[in-house]
Amino acid sequence: MNVIKKITCDRLDIIAWEAFPFWLRMAESDTSTVRPIGSIRQLDIVIGGHTFQISAVILHLEAQGAYPLLLGRPWLQTANGK
């Protein structure tokens, strides 16, 4: 799953997203669950000079050192080793 922070959406002026009807179980030691804010489809990102279109779940993450965007298996399959 691809994950984007809410604050990153704010910085990119992404204001429209779809509802996400499921809770997610986090891969932390306490395996807490979180309710995503929503999801985005067809978000264009550029990595290494290549443009990719991804879908991502939006989470409200407070951690200062956290990455603004986490790319998972869906992106790895799309990137196809580029």
N, C-alpha and C. Protein backbone atom coordinates (compact mmCIF):
# COMPACT_ATOMS: atom_id res chain seq x y z
N MET A 1 0.84 -1.17 0.00
CA MET A 1 0.00 0.00 0.00
C MET A 1 0.89 1.24 0.00
N ASN A 2 0.52 2.24 -0.77
CA ASN A 2 1.21 3.53 -0.77
C ASN A 2 0.51 4.43 0.25
N VAL A 3 1.29 5.19 1.01
CA VAL A 3 0.75 6.03 2.07
C VAL A 3 1.30 7.44 1.91
N ILE A 4 0.43 8.44 2.04
CA ILE A 4 0.85 9.84 2.00
C ILE A 4 0.34 10.53 3.26
N LYS A 5 1.15 11.40 3.83
CA LYS A 5 0.75 12.14 5.01
C LYS A 5 -0.22 13.26 4.64
N LYS A 6 -1.14 13.55 5.54
CA LYS A 6 -2.11 14.63 5.33
C LYS A 6 -1.40 15.96 5.11
N ILE A 7 -0.36 16.22 5.87
CA ILE A 7 0.37 17.49 5.73
C ILE A 7 1.03 17.60 4.35
N THR A 8 1.42 16.47 3.77
CA THR A 8 1.98 16.49 2.41
C THR A 8 0.88 16.86 1.41
N CYS A 9 -0.32 16.34 1.61
CA CYS A 9 -1.45 16.72 0.75
C CYS A 9 -1.70 18.21 0.84
N ASP A 10 -1.64 18.74 2.06
CA ASP A 10 -1.85 20.19 2.25
C ASP A 10 -0.79 20.99 1.51
N ARG A 11 0.45 20.57 1.60
CA ARG A 11 1.55 21.29 0.94
C ARG A 11 1.46 21.22 -0.57
N LEU A 12 0.86 20.14 -1.09
CA LEU A 12 0.71 19.96 -2.54
C LEU A 12 -0.64 20.48 -3.04
N ASP A 13 -1.41 21.12 -2.15
CA ASP A 13 -2.74 21.63 -2.49
C ASP A 13 -3.68 20.54 -2.99
N ILE A 14 -3.56 19.35 -2.44
CA ILE A 14 -4.49 18.26 -2.75
C ILE A 14 -5.64 18.38 -1.76
N ILE A 15 -6.79 18.78 -2.26
CA ILE A 15 -7.91 19.02 -1.35
C ILE A 15 -9.09 18.08 -1.59
N ALA A 16 -9.04 17.32 -2.67
CA ALA A 16 -10.14 16.41 -2.98
C ALA A 16 -9.62 14.97 -2.95
N TRP A 17 -10.31 14.14 -2.19
CA TRP A 17 -9.97 12.73 -2.14
C TRP A 17 -11.22 11.91 -1.89
N GLU A 18 -11.08 10.62 -2.04
CA GLU A 18 -12.20 9.70 -1.84
C GLU A 18 -12.21 9.20 -0.41
N ALA A 19 -13.38 8.80 0.05
CA ALA A 19 -13.48 8.18 1.37
C ALA A 19 -12.77 6.83 1.33
N PHE A 20 -12.19 6.44 2.45
CA PHE A 20 -11.55 5.14 2.58
C PHE A 20 -12.29 4.39 3.68
N PRO A 21 -13.04 3.34 3.34
CA PRO A 21 -13.98 2.74 4.29
C PRO A 21 -13.38 1.76 5.30
N PHE A 22 -12.09 1.55 5.28
CA PHE A 22 -11.50 0.54 6.14
C PHE A 22 -10.56 1.15 7.18
N TRP A 23 -10.36 0.45 8.26
CA TRP A 23 -9.33 0.78 9.24
C TRP A 23 -8.07 0.03 8.84
N LEU A 24 -6.91 0.55 9.19
CA LEU A 24 -5.63 -0.10 8.89
C LEU A 24 -4.95 -0.51 10.19
N ARG A 25 -4.34 -1.68 10.16
CA ARG A 25 -3.55 -2.13 11.30
C ARG A 25 -2.09 -1.76 11.03
N MET A 26 -1.54 -0.96 11.91
CA MET A 26 -0.18 -0.47 11.73
C MET A 26 0.83 -1.54 12.10
N ALA A 27 1.98 -1.49 11.47
CA ALA A 27 3.05 -2.46 11.72
C ALA A 27 3.95 -1.97 12.84
N GLU A 28 3.35 -1.64 13.95
CA GLU A 28 4.10 -1.20 15.13
C GLU A 28 4.07 -2.31 16.15
N SER A 29 4.80 -2.13 17.23
CA SER A 29 4.84 -3.17 18.25
C SER A 29 3.48 -3.40 18.90
N ASP A 30 2.65 -2.36 18.97
CA ASP A 30 1.34 -2.53 19.60
C ASP A 30 0.23 -2.87 18.60
N THR A 31 0.56 -2.96 17.33
CA THR A 31 -0.38 -3.25 16.23
C THR A 31 -1.68 -2.45 16.35
N SER A 32 -1.52 -1.16 16.59
CA SER A 32 -2.69 -0.28 16.70
C SER A 32 -3.38 -0.15 15.35
N THR A 33 -4.64 0.27 15.39
CA THR A 33 -5.38 0.49 14.16
C THR A 33 -5.62 1.99 13.99
N VAL A 34 -5.65 2.44 12.75
CA VAL A 34 -5.90 3.85 12.44
C VAL A 34 -6.95 3.95 11.36
N ARG A 35 -7.68 5.02 11.39
CA ARG A 35 -8.68 5.29 10.35
C ARG A 35 -8.09 6.28 9.37
N PRO A 36 -7.87 5.89 8.11
CA PRO A 36 -7.35 6.81 7.11
C PRO A 36 -8.31 7.97 6.87
N ILE A 37 -7.75 9.11 6.50
CA ILE A 37 -8.55 10.29 6.18
C ILE A 37 -9.27 10.07 4.85
N GLY A 38 -8.60 9.40 3.93
CA GLY A 38 -9.17 9.14 2.61
C GLY A 38 -8.15 8.47 1.72
N SER A 39 -8.41 8.49 0.43
CA SER A 39 -7.46 7.92 -0.54
C SER A 39 -7.45 8.79 -1.80
N ILE A 40 -6.33 8.73 -2.47
CA ILE A 40 -6.13 9.49 -3.71
C ILE A 40 -5.85 8.49 -4.82
N ARG A 41 -6.42 8.73 -5.97
CA ARG A 41 -6.12 7.91 -7.14
C ARG A 41 -5.48 8.80 -8.20
N GLN A 42 -4.63 8.21 -8.99
CA GLN A 42 -4.01 8.88 -10.12
C GLN A 42 -3.22 10.12 -9.71
N LEU A 43 -2.37 9.97 -8.73
CA LEU A 43 -1.46 11.03 -8.31
C LEU A 43 -0.15 10.85 -9.07
N ASP A 44 0.26 11.87 -9.82
CA ASP A 44 1.50 11.80 -10.60
C ASP A 44 2.68 12.16 -9.71
N ILE A 45 3.69 11.29 -9.70
CA ILE A 45 4.93 11.56 -8.99
C ILE A 45 6.09 11.32 -9.95
N VAL A 46 7.18 12.04 -9.73
CA VAL A 46 8.38 11.88 -10.56
C VAL A 46 9.49 11.35 -9.69
N ILE A 47 10.06 10.21 -10.09
CA ILE A 47 11.17 9.59 -9.37
C ILE A 47 12.23 9.20 -10.38
N GLY A 48 13.41 9.72 -10.19
CA GLY A 48 14.51 9.39 -11.09
C GLY A 48 14.23 9.75 -12.54
N GLY A 49 13.50 10.82 -12.77
CA GLY A 49 13.20 11.26 -14.13
C GLY A 49 12.04 10.52 -14.77
N HIS A 50 11.45 9.56 -14.08
CA HIS A 50 10.31 8.81 -14.59
C HIS A 50 9.05 9.26 -13.86
N THR A 51 7.96 9.45 -14.60
CA THR A 51 6.69 9.82 -14.01
C THR A 51 5.85 8.58 -13.79
N PHE A 52 5.32 8.47 -12.58
CA PHE A 52 4.48 7.34 -12.21
C PHE A 52 3.14 7.86 -11.72
N GLN A 53 2.11 7.11 -11.98
CA GLN A 53 0.79 7.45 -11.47
C GLN A 53 0.46 6.44 -10.39
N ILE A 54 0.23 6.94 -9.17
CA ILE A 54 -0.01 6.05 -8.05
C ILE A 54 -1.36 6.36 -7.38
N SER A 55 -1.79 5.44 -6.57
CA SER A 55 -2.90 5.64 -5.63
C SER A 55 -2.29 5.55 -4.25
N ALA A 56 -2.84 6.32 -3.31
CA ALA A 56 -2.29 6.32 -1.95
C ALA A 56 -3.39 6.54 -0.93
N VAL A 57 -3.15 6.01 0.25
CA VAL A 57 -4.04 6.22 1.39
C VAL A 57 -3.49 7.40 2.17
N ILE A 58 -4.38 8.30 2.61
CA ILE A 58 -3.97 9.49 3.36
C ILE A 58 -4.11 9.21 4.85
N LEU A 59 -3.00 9.41 5.58
CA LEU A 59 -3.01 9.22 7.03
C LEU A 59 -2.60 10.50 7.73
N HIS A 60 -3.17 10.71 8.90
CA HIS A 60 -2.77 11.84 9.74
C HIS A 60 -1.66 11.34 10.66
N LEU A 61 -0.41 11.61 10.27
CA LEU A 61 0.75 11.16 11.04
C LEU A 61 1.44 12.37 11.65
N GLU A 62 1.70 12.30 12.93
CA GLU A 62 2.29 13.41 13.66
C GLU A 62 3.81 13.38 13.68
N ALA A 63 4.41 12.24 13.46
CA ALA A 63 5.85 12.07 13.64
C ALA A 63 6.64 13.06 12.78
N GLN A 64 7.55 13.78 13.40
CA GLN A 64 8.35 14.79 12.71
C GLN A 64 9.30 14.18 11.68
N GLY A 65 9.92 13.08 12.01
CA GLY A 65 10.91 12.48 11.12
C GLY A 65 10.33 11.57 10.06
N ALA A 66 9.00 11.42 10.05
CA ALA A 66 8.38 10.50 9.11
C ALA A 66 8.49 11.01 7.68
N TYR A 67 8.56 10.09 6.77
CA TYR A 67 8.62 10.44 5.36
C TYR A 67 7.28 10.99 4.89
N PRO A 68 7.28 11.92 3.91
CA PRO A 68 6.02 12.49 3.43
C PRO A 68 5.20 11.52 2.59
N LEU A 69 5.87 10.53 1.98
CA LEU A 69 5.21 9.56 1.10
C LEU A 69 5.93 8.23 1.24
N LEU A 70 5.18 7.18 1.50
CA LEU A 70 5.76 5.83 1.58
C LEU A 70 5.22 5.02 0.41
N LEU A 71 6.12 4.50 -0.39
CA LEU A 71 5.73 3.73 -1.56
C LEU A 71 5.85 2.24 -1.25
N GLY A 72 4.80 1.49 -1.55
CA GLY A 72 4.77 0.07 -1.25
C GLY A 72 4.80 -0.79 -2.49
N ARG A 73 4.30 -1.99 -2.35
CA ARG A 73 4.31 -2.94 -3.46
C ARG A 73 3.58 -2.47 -4.70
N PRO A 74 2.46 -1.75 -4.57
CA PRO A 74 1.81 -1.27 -5.80
C PRO A 74 2.75 -0.43 -6.67
N TRP A 75 3.54 0.44 -6.03
CA TRP A 75 4.47 1.25 -6.80
C TRP A 75 5.59 0.39 -7.37
N LEU A 76 6.08 -0.56 -6.59
CA LEU A 76 7.16 -1.43 -7.09
C LEU A 76 6.71 -2.18 -8.34
N GLN A 77 5.47 -2.62 -8.36
CA GLN A 77 4.95 -3.31 -9.54
C GLN A 77 4.81 -2.34 -10.71
N THR A 78 4.36 -1.13 -10.44
CA THR A 78 4.21 -0.12 -11.49
C THR A 78 5.57 0.28 -12.05
N ALA A 79 6.54 0.47 -11.16
CA ALA A 79 7.88 0.91 -11.57
C ALA A 79 8.57 -0.15 -12.41
N ASN A 80 8.26 -1.40 -12.16
CA ASN A 80 8.81 -2.51 -12.95
C ASN A 80 10.33 -2.43 -13.08
N GLY A 81 10.97 -2.06 -11.99
CA GLY A 81 12.42 -2.06 -11.97
C GLY A 81 13.09 -0.90 -12.69
N LYS A 82 12.38 0.20 -12.95
CA LYS A 82 12.99 1.34 -13.65
C LYS A 82 13.95 2.06 -12.76
